[in-house]
Amino acid sequence: MRCPFCGNPDSQVKDSRPNEEGSAIRRRRACLSCGQRFTTVERVQLRDLIVVKANGRRAPFEREKLARSIRIALRKRPLPETRIEQIVSGLVRQLEASGETEVPSSRIGKLAMEVLKEVDTVGYVRFASVYRDFTEAKDFSEILTSMDVSDADNQEKD
């Protein structure tokens, strides 16, 4: 692992621990050249995913990009960081388990919206406003109305 301070390619692992849900390993390392300490996180990656954008362009899937957009949607909401990390990990596992190597960006957005709708409705509306590119106030009204209709349908089934 390359040292982030001096760029030396050699480091020594001082401590390894699984994270809370066991989906990653956190390692404390020390650079053999400059002696600085740093932390790395290792995750299991089932396959390399390619995101197919709306314009047809292809790009490697970036877990951090998905995590950042969900964190922005849930900013100042009462969800702990560990829960946000669980949401992102669940979405990534779902995408990797699908068996597809190329995933449309629209599918990623829809999956994220489904999870956010269950977890935090304010975060859901925030994410939807960016994902669906809301341009007018009526766009917010439409999504809120659709949420009210789906809530009423769910209550009738109970």
N, C-alpha and C. Protein backbone atom coordinates (compact mmCIF):
# COMPACT_ATOMS: atom_id res chain seq x y z
N MET A 1 0.85 -1.17 0.00
CA MET A 1 0.00 0.00 0.00
C MET A 1 0.89 1.23 0.00
N ARG A 2 0.65 2.14 -0.93
CA ARG A 2 1.46 3.34 -1.07
C ARG A 2 1.15 4.33 0.07
N CYS A 3 2.19 4.88 0.66
CA CYS A 3 2.05 5.84 1.75
C CYS A 3 1.45 7.14 1.21
N PRO A 4 0.39 7.66 1.83
CA PRO A 4 -0.21 8.91 1.36
C PRO A 4 0.64 10.14 1.68
N PHE A 5 1.65 9.98 2.54
CA PHE A 5 2.48 11.11 2.94
C PHE A 5 3.72 11.25 2.05
N CYS A 6 4.44 10.14 1.85
CA CYS A 6 5.70 10.23 1.09
C CYS A 6 5.67 9.46 -0.23
N GLY A 7 4.64 8.64 -0.44
CA GLY A 7 4.52 7.90 -1.70
C GLY A 7 5.28 6.59 -1.74
N ASN A 8 5.94 6.24 -0.66
CA ASN A 8 6.68 4.98 -0.60
C ASN A 8 5.72 3.79 -0.77
N PRO A 9 6.08 2.82 -1.62
CA PRO A 9 5.15 1.70 -1.86
C PRO A 9 5.12 0.65 -0.76
N ASP A 10 6.01 0.74 0.24
CA ASP A 10 6.06 -0.28 1.29
C ASP A 10 5.51 0.25 2.60
N SER A 11 4.61 -0.53 3.21
CA SER A 11 4.10 -0.19 4.53
C SER A 11 3.90 -1.48 5.30
N GLN A 12 3.80 -1.34 6.60
CA GLN A 12 3.63 -2.50 7.46
C GLN A 12 2.28 -2.41 8.17
N VAL A 13 1.54 -3.52 8.20
CA VAL A 13 0.25 -3.56 8.88
C VAL A 13 0.51 -3.69 10.38
N LYS A 14 -0.05 -2.77 11.15
CA LYS A 14 0.13 -2.79 12.61
C LYS A 14 -1.07 -3.42 13.32
N ASP A 15 -2.27 -3.24 12.73
CA ASP A 15 -3.49 -3.74 13.38
C ASP A 15 -4.56 -3.94 12.32
N SER A 16 -5.33 -5.03 12.42
CA SER A 16 -6.44 -5.30 11.50
C SER A 16 -7.69 -5.62 12.30
N ARG A 17 -8.81 -5.04 11.89
CA ARG A 17 -10.09 -5.31 12.57
C ARG A 17 -11.21 -5.29 11.55
N PRO A 18 -12.19 -6.20 11.70
CA PRO A 18 -13.37 -6.10 10.84
C PRO A 18 -14.21 -4.92 11.30
N ASN A 19 -14.97 -4.31 10.34
CA ASN A 19 -15.85 -3.22 10.75
C ASN A 19 -17.08 -3.80 11.43
N GLU A 20 -18.03 -2.94 11.81
CA GLU A 20 -19.17 -3.35 12.61
C GLU A 20 -19.99 -4.47 11.98
N GLU A 21 -20.29 -4.34 10.68
CA GLU A 21 -21.12 -5.36 10.05
C GLU A 21 -20.31 -6.47 9.40
N GLY A 22 -18.98 -6.41 9.52
CA GLY A 22 -18.13 -7.46 9.00
C GLY A 22 -17.95 -7.45 7.49
N SER A 23 -18.34 -6.37 6.83
CA SER A 23 -18.24 -6.31 5.37
C SER A 23 -16.93 -5.70 4.88
N ALA A 24 -16.10 -5.25 5.81
CA ALA A 24 -14.83 -4.63 5.44
C ALA A 24 -13.81 -4.86 6.56
N ILE A 25 -12.55 -4.69 6.22
CA ILE A 25 -11.48 -4.80 7.21
C ILE A 25 -10.75 -3.46 7.27
N ARG A 26 -10.59 -2.98 8.47
CA ARG A 26 -9.89 -1.72 8.71
C ARG A 26 -8.48 -2.07 9.16
N ARG A 27 -7.48 -1.52 8.46
CA ARG A 27 -6.09 -1.82 8.79
C ARG A 27 -5.34 -0.53 9.14
N ARG A 28 -4.63 -0.57 10.26
CA ARG A 28 -3.72 0.52 10.63
C ARG A 28 -2.36 0.14 10.07
N ARG A 29 -1.75 1.06 9.35
CA ARG A 29 -0.47 0.79 8.70
C ARG A 29 0.56 1.83 9.12
N ALA A 30 1.83 1.45 8.98
CA ALA A 30 2.94 2.37 9.22
C ALA A 30 3.85 2.33 8.00
N CYS A 31 4.25 3.50 7.53
CA CYS A 31 5.15 3.59 6.38
C CYS A 31 6.56 3.19 6.84
N LEU A 32 7.20 2.35 6.04
CA LEU A 32 8.55 1.90 6.38
C LEU A 32 9.60 2.97 6.09
N SER A 33 9.22 3.97 5.30
CA SER A 33 10.17 5.03 4.95
C SER A 33 10.08 6.22 5.90
N CYS A 34 8.90 6.82 6.01
CA CYS A 34 8.77 8.05 6.81
C CYS A 34 8.21 7.80 8.22
N GLY A 35 7.67 6.60 8.46
CA GLY A 35 7.16 6.28 9.79
C GLY A 35 5.76 6.76 10.08
N GLN A 36 5.14 7.49 9.16
CA GLN A 36 3.77 7.99 9.37
C GLN A 36 2.79 6.81 9.44
N ARG A 37 1.72 6.99 10.19
CA ARG A 37 0.68 5.96 10.30
C ARG A 37 -0.56 6.41 9.54
N PHE A 38 -1.25 5.45 8.93
CA PHE A 38 -2.48 5.74 8.20
C PHE A 38 -3.38 4.52 8.23
N THR A 39 -4.65 4.73 7.88
CA THR A 39 -5.65 3.67 7.92
C THR A 39 -6.13 3.36 6.51
N THR A 40 -6.31 2.08 6.23
CA THR A 40 -6.92 1.66 4.97
C THR A 40 -8.14 0.82 5.28
N VAL A 41 -9.07 0.77 4.34
CA VAL A 41 -10.27 -0.05 4.49
C VAL A 41 -10.34 -0.95 3.27
N GLU A 42 -10.49 -2.24 3.51
CA GLU A 42 -10.59 -3.21 2.43
C GLU A 42 -11.98 -3.81 2.42
N ARG A 43 -12.58 -3.87 1.22
CA ARG A 43 -13.92 -4.44 1.05
C ARG A 43 -13.86 -5.55 0.03
N VAL A 44 -14.74 -6.51 0.17
CA VAL A 44 -14.86 -7.56 -0.84
C VAL A 44 -15.54 -6.97 -2.06
N GLN A 45 -14.99 -7.24 -3.22
CA GLN A 45 -15.59 -6.78 -4.46
C GLN A 45 -15.85 -8.00 -5.32
N LEU A 46 -17.12 -8.30 -5.55
CA LEU A 46 -17.48 -9.49 -6.30
C LEU A 46 -17.11 -9.38 -7.78
N ARG A 47 -17.37 -8.23 -8.36
CA ARG A 47 -17.04 -8.02 -9.77
C ARG A 47 -16.92 -6.53 -10.05
N ASP A 48 -16.21 -6.23 -11.12
CA ASP A 48 -16.09 -4.83 -11.53
C ASP A 48 -17.38 -4.43 -12.24
N LEU A 49 -18.01 -3.39 -11.75
CA LEU A 49 -19.24 -2.92 -12.35
C LEU A 49 -18.96 -1.71 -13.23
N ILE A 50 -19.66 -1.65 -14.34
CA ILE A 50 -19.59 -0.51 -15.25
C ILE A 50 -20.96 0.17 -15.24
N VAL A 51 -20.97 1.48 -15.06
CA VAL A 51 -22.21 2.25 -15.07
C VAL A 51 -22.42 2.78 -16.47
N VAL A 52 -23.62 2.53 -17.03
CA VAL A 52 -23.98 3.05 -18.34
C VAL A 52 -24.82 4.29 -18.10
N LYS A 53 -24.27 5.44 -18.46
CA LYS A 53 -24.94 6.72 -18.24
C LYS A 53 -26.09 6.90 -19.23
N ALA A 54 -26.94 7.89 -18.99
CA ALA A 54 -28.10 8.15 -19.85
C ALA A 54 -27.67 8.49 -21.28
N ASN A 55 -26.50 9.11 -21.43
CA ASN A 55 -26.03 9.48 -22.76
C ASN A 55 -25.27 8.33 -23.46
N GLY A 56 -25.23 7.15 -22.82
CA GLY A 56 -24.57 5.99 -23.41
C GLY A 56 -23.12 5.83 -23.00
N ARG A 57 -22.55 6.84 -22.36
CA ARG A 57 -21.16 6.77 -21.91
C ARG A 57 -21.03 5.73 -20.80
N ARG A 58 -19.90 5.06 -20.74
CA ARG A 58 -19.65 4.05 -19.72
C ARG A 58 -18.53 4.52 -18.79
N ALA A 59 -18.71 4.24 -17.50
CA ALA A 59 -17.71 4.63 -16.51
C ALA A 59 -17.66 3.56 -15.42
N PRO A 60 -16.51 3.38 -14.80
CA PRO A 60 -16.44 2.41 -13.69
C PRO A 60 -17.34 2.85 -12.54
N PHE A 61 -17.97 1.89 -11.89
CA PHE A 61 -18.82 2.18 -10.73
C PHE A 61 -17.94 2.67 -9.59
N GLU A 62 -18.38 3.76 -8.95
CA GLU A 62 -17.65 4.32 -7.81
C GLU A 62 -18.54 4.29 -6.58
N ARG A 63 -18.20 3.42 -5.65
CA ARG A 63 -18.97 3.28 -4.41
C ARG A 63 -19.06 4.61 -3.68
N GLU A 64 -17.96 5.33 -3.63
CA GLU A 64 -17.94 6.60 -2.91
C GLU A 64 -18.85 7.65 -3.52
N LYS A 65 -19.03 7.61 -4.82
CA LYS A 65 -19.94 8.56 -5.48
C LYS A 65 -21.38 8.30 -5.04
N LEU A 66 -21.76 7.02 -4.97
CA LEU A 66 -23.09 6.65 -4.49
C LEU A 66 -23.24 7.05 -3.02
N ALA A 67 -22.24 6.76 -2.22
CA ALA A 67 -22.29 7.09 -0.79
C ALA A 67 -22.41 8.60 -0.59
N ARG A 68 -21.66 9.36 -1.38
CA ARG A 68 -21.71 10.83 -1.26
C ARG A 68 -23.10 11.36 -1.58
N SER A 69 -23.72 10.85 -2.64
CA SER A 69 -25.05 11.35 -3.00
C SER A 69 -26.09 10.98 -1.94
N ILE A 70 -25.96 9.82 -1.34
CA ILE A 70 -26.90 9.44 -0.28
C ILE A 70 -26.64 10.27 0.98
N ARG A 71 -25.37 10.53 1.29
CA ARG A 71 -25.07 11.38 2.45
C ARG A 71 -25.62 12.79 2.26
N ILE A 72 -25.53 13.32 1.05
CA ILE A 72 -26.07 14.65 0.77
C ILE A 72 -27.58 14.66 0.96
N ALA A 73 -28.25 13.62 0.47
CA ALA A 73 -29.71 13.54 0.61
C ALA A 73 -30.12 13.43 2.07
N LEU A 74 -29.27 12.79 2.88
CA LEU A 74 -29.62 12.57 4.29
C LEU A 74 -28.93 13.56 5.24
N ARG A 75 -28.32 14.60 4.67
CA ARG A 75 -27.63 15.59 5.49
C ARG A 75 -28.61 16.22 6.48
N LYS A 76 -28.17 16.34 7.71
CA LYS A 76 -28.96 16.93 8.82
C LYS A 76 -30.23 16.14 9.12
N ARG A 77 -30.22 14.86 8.79
CA ARG A 77 -31.32 13.98 9.13
C ARG A 77 -30.87 13.08 10.28
N PRO A 78 -31.80 12.55 11.07
CA PRO A 78 -31.41 11.79 12.27
C PRO A 78 -31.00 10.34 11.97
N LEU A 79 -30.08 10.15 11.02
CA LEU A 79 -29.58 8.82 10.72
C LEU A 79 -28.09 8.78 11.04
N PRO A 80 -27.65 7.80 11.81
CA PRO A 80 -26.21 7.71 12.11
C PRO A 80 -25.42 7.29 10.88
N GLU A 81 -24.16 7.63 10.86
CA GLU A 81 -23.28 7.29 9.73
C GLU A 81 -23.23 5.79 9.50
N THR A 82 -23.32 5.00 10.57
CA THR A 82 -23.28 3.54 10.41
C THR A 82 -24.48 3.05 9.59
N ARG A 83 -25.63 3.68 9.79
CA ARG A 83 -26.84 3.29 9.02
C ARG A 83 -26.68 3.68 7.56
N ILE A 84 -26.11 4.83 7.30
CA ILE A 84 -25.87 5.26 5.92
C ILE A 84 -24.92 4.28 5.24
N GLU A 85 -23.88 3.87 5.97
CA GLU A 85 -22.92 2.91 5.42
C GLU A 85 -23.59 1.56 5.13
N GLN A 86 -24.51 1.15 5.99
CA GLN A 86 -25.27 -0.08 5.75
C GLN A 86 -26.12 0.03 4.49
N ILE A 87 -26.74 1.18 4.29
CA ILE A 87 -27.56 1.41 3.10
C ILE A 87 -26.70 1.29 1.84
N VAL A 88 -25.56 1.96 1.85
CA VAL A 88 -24.67 1.93 0.68
C VAL A 88 -24.16 0.51 0.44
N SER A 89 -23.73 -0.17 1.49
CA SER A 89 -23.24 -1.55 1.35
C SER A 89 -24.32 -2.46 0.79
N GLY A 90 -25.54 -2.29 1.26
CA GLY A 90 -26.66 -3.09 0.76
C GLY A 90 -26.93 -2.85 -0.71
N LEU A 91 -26.88 -1.58 -1.12
CA LEU A 91 -27.08 -1.25 -2.53
C LEU A 91 -25.98 -1.85 -3.41
N VAL A 92 -24.74 -1.74 -2.95
CA VAL A 92 -23.61 -2.28 -3.72
C VAL A 92 -23.72 -3.80 -3.83
N ARG A 93 -24.06 -4.47 -2.72
CA ARG A 93 -24.23 -5.94 -2.76
C ARG A 93 -25.34 -6.33 -3.72
N GLN A 94 -26.42 -5.57 -3.71
CA GLN A 94 -27.54 -5.84 -4.61
C GLN A 94 -27.11 -5.71 -6.07
N LEU A 95 -26.33 -4.69 -6.37
CA LEU A 95 -25.86 -4.49 -7.74
C LEU A 95 -24.89 -5.60 -8.15
N GLU A 96 -23.98 -5.96 -7.25
CA GLU A 96 -23.00 -7.00 -7.57
C GLU A 96 -23.65 -8.37 -7.70
N ALA A 97 -24.67 -8.62 -6.90
CA ALA A 97 -25.34 -9.93 -6.92
C ALA A 97 -26.27 -10.09 -8.12
N SER A 98 -26.54 -9.00 -8.82
CA SER A 98 -27.46 -9.09 -9.96
C SER A 98 -26.89 -9.93 -11.09
N GLY A 99 -25.57 -10.09 -11.12
CA GLY A 99 -24.94 -10.88 -12.17
C GLY A 99 -24.59 -10.07 -13.40
N GLU A 100 -25.01 -8.83 -13.46
CA GLU A 100 -24.72 -7.98 -14.60
C GLU A 100 -23.40 -7.24 -14.36
N THR A 101 -22.63 -7.06 -15.42
CA THR A 101 -21.40 -6.28 -15.27
C THR A 101 -21.63 -4.83 -15.66
N GLU A 102 -22.64 -4.58 -16.50
CA GLU A 102 -23.00 -3.21 -16.87
C GLU A 102 -24.37 -2.88 -16.29
N VAL A 103 -24.42 -1.80 -15.55
CA VAL A 103 -25.65 -1.41 -14.86
C VAL A 103 -26.02 0.00 -15.31
N PRO A 104 -27.26 0.20 -15.78
CA PRO A 104 -27.67 1.56 -16.15
C PRO A 104 -27.72 2.47 -14.92
N SER A 105 -27.32 3.70 -15.07
CA SER A 105 -27.34 4.64 -13.95
C SER A 105 -28.76 4.83 -13.43
N SER A 106 -29.74 4.69 -14.32
CA SER A 106 -31.14 4.84 -13.90
C SER A 106 -31.52 3.75 -12.90
N ARG A 107 -30.98 2.55 -13.08
CA ARG A 107 -31.29 1.45 -12.14
C ARG A 107 -30.69 1.74 -10.77
N ILE A 108 -29.48 2.27 -10.75
CA ILE A 108 -28.84 2.61 -9.48
C ILE A 108 -29.67 3.68 -8.76
N GLY A 109 -30.11 4.68 -9.50
CA GLY A 109 -30.92 5.75 -8.92
C GLY A 109 -32.24 5.23 -8.38
N LYS A 110 -32.90 4.33 -9.13
CA LYS A 110 -34.18 3.77 -8.67
C LYS A 110 -33.99 2.93 -7.42
N LEU A 111 -32.93 2.11 -7.38
CA LEU A 111 -32.67 1.31 -6.18
C LEU A 111 -32.42 2.19 -4.96
N ALA A 112 -31.64 3.24 -5.15
CA ALA A 112 -31.36 4.16 -4.05
C ALA A 112 -32.65 4.84 -3.57
N MET A 113 -33.49 5.24 -4.51
CA MET A 113 -34.75 5.89 -4.14
C MET A 113 -35.66 4.94 -3.37
N GLU A 114 -35.72 3.67 -3.79
CA GLU A 114 -36.55 2.68 -3.08
C GLU A 114 -36.11 2.55 -1.62
N VAL A 115 -34.81 2.46 -1.41
CA VAL A 115 -34.29 2.31 -0.05
C VAL A 115 -34.55 3.58 0.76
N LEU A 116 -34.27 4.73 0.17
CA LEU A 116 -34.47 5.99 0.89
C LEU A 116 -35.93 6.23 1.23
N LYS A 117 -36.84 5.79 0.37
CA LYS A 117 -38.27 5.96 0.64
C LYS A 117 -38.67 5.21 1.90
N GLU A 118 -38.04 4.04 2.12
CA GLU A 118 -38.33 3.24 3.31
C GLU A 118 -37.65 3.80 4.56
N VAL A 119 -36.47 4.38 4.39
CA VAL A 119 -35.65 4.80 5.52
C VAL A 119 -35.99 6.21 5.99
N ASP A 120 -36.09 7.17 5.05
CA ASP A 120 -36.29 8.57 5.42
C ASP A 120 -36.95 9.30 4.25
N THR A 121 -38.20 9.70 4.43
CA THR A 121 -38.94 10.31 3.32
C THR A 121 -38.36 11.65 2.89
N VAL A 122 -37.80 12.42 3.82
CA VAL A 122 -37.19 13.70 3.45
C VAL A 122 -35.95 13.44 2.58
N GLY A 123 -35.14 12.47 2.98
CA GLY A 123 -33.98 12.10 2.17
C GLY A 123 -34.39 11.59 0.80
N TYR A 124 -35.51 10.87 0.77
CA TYR A 124 -36.04 10.37 -0.50
C TYR A 124 -36.40 11.52 -1.44
N VAL A 125 -37.09 12.52 -0.91
CA VAL A 125 -37.50 13.66 -1.74
C VAL A 125 -36.27 14.45 -2.20
N ARG A 126 -35.30 14.61 -1.32
CA ARG A 126 -34.07 15.32 -1.70
C ARG A 126 -33.34 14.58 -2.82
N PHE A 127 -33.20 13.26 -2.66
CA PHE A 127 -32.50 12.46 -3.67
C PHE A 127 -33.28 12.51 -4.98
N ALA A 128 -34.60 12.36 -4.91
CA ALA A 128 -35.43 12.38 -6.11
C ALA A 128 -35.33 13.72 -6.83
N SER A 129 -35.22 14.81 -6.08
CA SER A 129 -35.15 16.13 -6.73
C SER A 129 -33.91 16.26 -7.60
N VAL A 130 -32.82 15.62 -7.21
CA VAL A 130 -31.60 15.66 -8.02
C VAL A 130 -31.67 14.59 -9.10
N TYR A 131 -32.05 13.38 -8.72
CA TYR A 131 -32.08 12.25 -9.65
C TYR A 131 -33.05 12.52 -10.81
N ARG A 132 -34.21 13.06 -10.50
CA ARG A 132 -35.21 13.34 -11.53
C ARG A 132 -35.10 14.75 -12.10
N ASP A 133 -34.11 15.49 -11.64
CA ASP A 133 -33.81 16.83 -12.15
C ASP A 133 -35.03 17.76 -12.07
N PHE A 134 -35.52 17.94 -10.84
CA PHE A 134 -36.65 18.84 -10.63
C PHE A 134 -36.27 20.25 -11.05
N THR A 135 -37.15 20.89 -11.80
CA THR A 135 -36.89 22.25 -12.25
C THR A 135 -37.92 23.25 -11.74
N GLU A 136 -39.06 22.75 -11.28
CA GLU A 136 -40.13 23.63 -10.82
C GLU A 136 -40.71 23.10 -9.51
N ALA A 137 -41.40 23.96 -8.79
CA ALA A 137 -42.00 23.59 -7.52
C ALA A 137 -43.05 22.49 -7.70
N LYS A 138 -43.73 22.47 -8.85
CA LYS A 138 -44.77 21.46 -9.07
C LYS A 138 -44.18 20.05 -9.10
N ASP A 139 -42.88 19.93 -9.46
CA ASP A 139 -42.22 18.63 -9.45
C ASP A 139 -42.20 18.04 -8.04
N PHE A 140 -41.94 18.91 -7.04
CA PHE A 140 -41.97 18.47 -5.65
C PHE A 140 -43.39 18.07 -5.25
N SER A 141 -44.35 18.86 -5.67
CA SER A 141 -45.74 18.58 -5.35
C SER A 141 -46.17 17.22 -5.90
N GLU A 142 -45.76 16.92 -7.13
CA GLU A 142 -46.12 15.64 -7.75
C GLU A 142 -45.56 14.45 -6.99
N ILE A 143 -44.31 14.54 -6.56
CA ILE A 143 -43.71 13.41 -5.86
C ILE A 143 -44.33 13.26 -4.47
N LEU A 144 -44.64 14.37 -3.81
CA LEU A 144 -45.28 14.30 -2.50
C LEU A 144 -46.68 13.71 -2.62
N THR A 145 -47.39 14.08 -3.68
CA THR A 145 -48.73 13.52 -3.91
C THR A 145 -48.63 12.02 -4.16
N SER A 146 -47.66 11.60 -4.95
CA SER A 146 -47.50 10.17 -5.22
C SER A 146 -47.15 9.41 -3.95
N MET A 147 -46.39 10.04 -3.04
CA MET A 147 -46.07 9.40 -1.77
C MET A 147 -47.32 9.24 -0.92
N ASP A 148 -48.17 10.27 -0.91
CA ASP A 148 -49.42 10.20 -0.14
C ASP A 148 -50.31 9.08 -0.68
N VAL A 149 -50.39 8.94 -2.00
CA VAL A 149 -51.21 7.89 -2.62
C VAL A 149 -50.67 6.51 -2.25
N SER A 150 -49.34 6.32 -2.34
CA SER A 150 -48.77 5.00 -2.02
C SER A 150 -48.92 4.70 -0.53
N ASP A 151 -48.83 5.72 0.33
CA ASP A 151 -49.05 5.50 1.77
C ASP A 151 -50.48 5.07 2.03
N ALA A 152 -51.44 5.70 1.34
CA ALA A 152 -52.85 5.32 1.50
C ALA A 152 -53.09 3.90 1.01
N ASP A 153 -52.47 3.53 -0.10
CA ASP A 153 -52.60 2.16 -0.61
C ASP A 153 -52.05 1.15 0.38
N ASN A 154 -50.92 1.45 0.99
CA ASN A 154 -50.31 0.54 1.96
C ASN A 154 -51.16 0.40 3.21
N GLN A 155 -51.81 1.49 3.64
CA GLN A 155 -52.65 1.42 4.82
C GLN A 155 -53.91 0.61 4.55
N GLU A 156 -54.45 0.68 3.33
CA GLU A 156 -55.63 -0.10 2.98
C GLU A 156 -55.33 -1.58 2.98
N LYS A 157 -54.10 -1.97 2.61
CA LYS A 157 -53.73 -3.38 2.58
C LYS A 157 -53.54 -3.96 3.96
N ASP A 158 -53.22 -3.11 4.96
CA ASP A 158 -52.97 -3.58 6.32
C ASP A 158 -54.22 -3.92 7.03
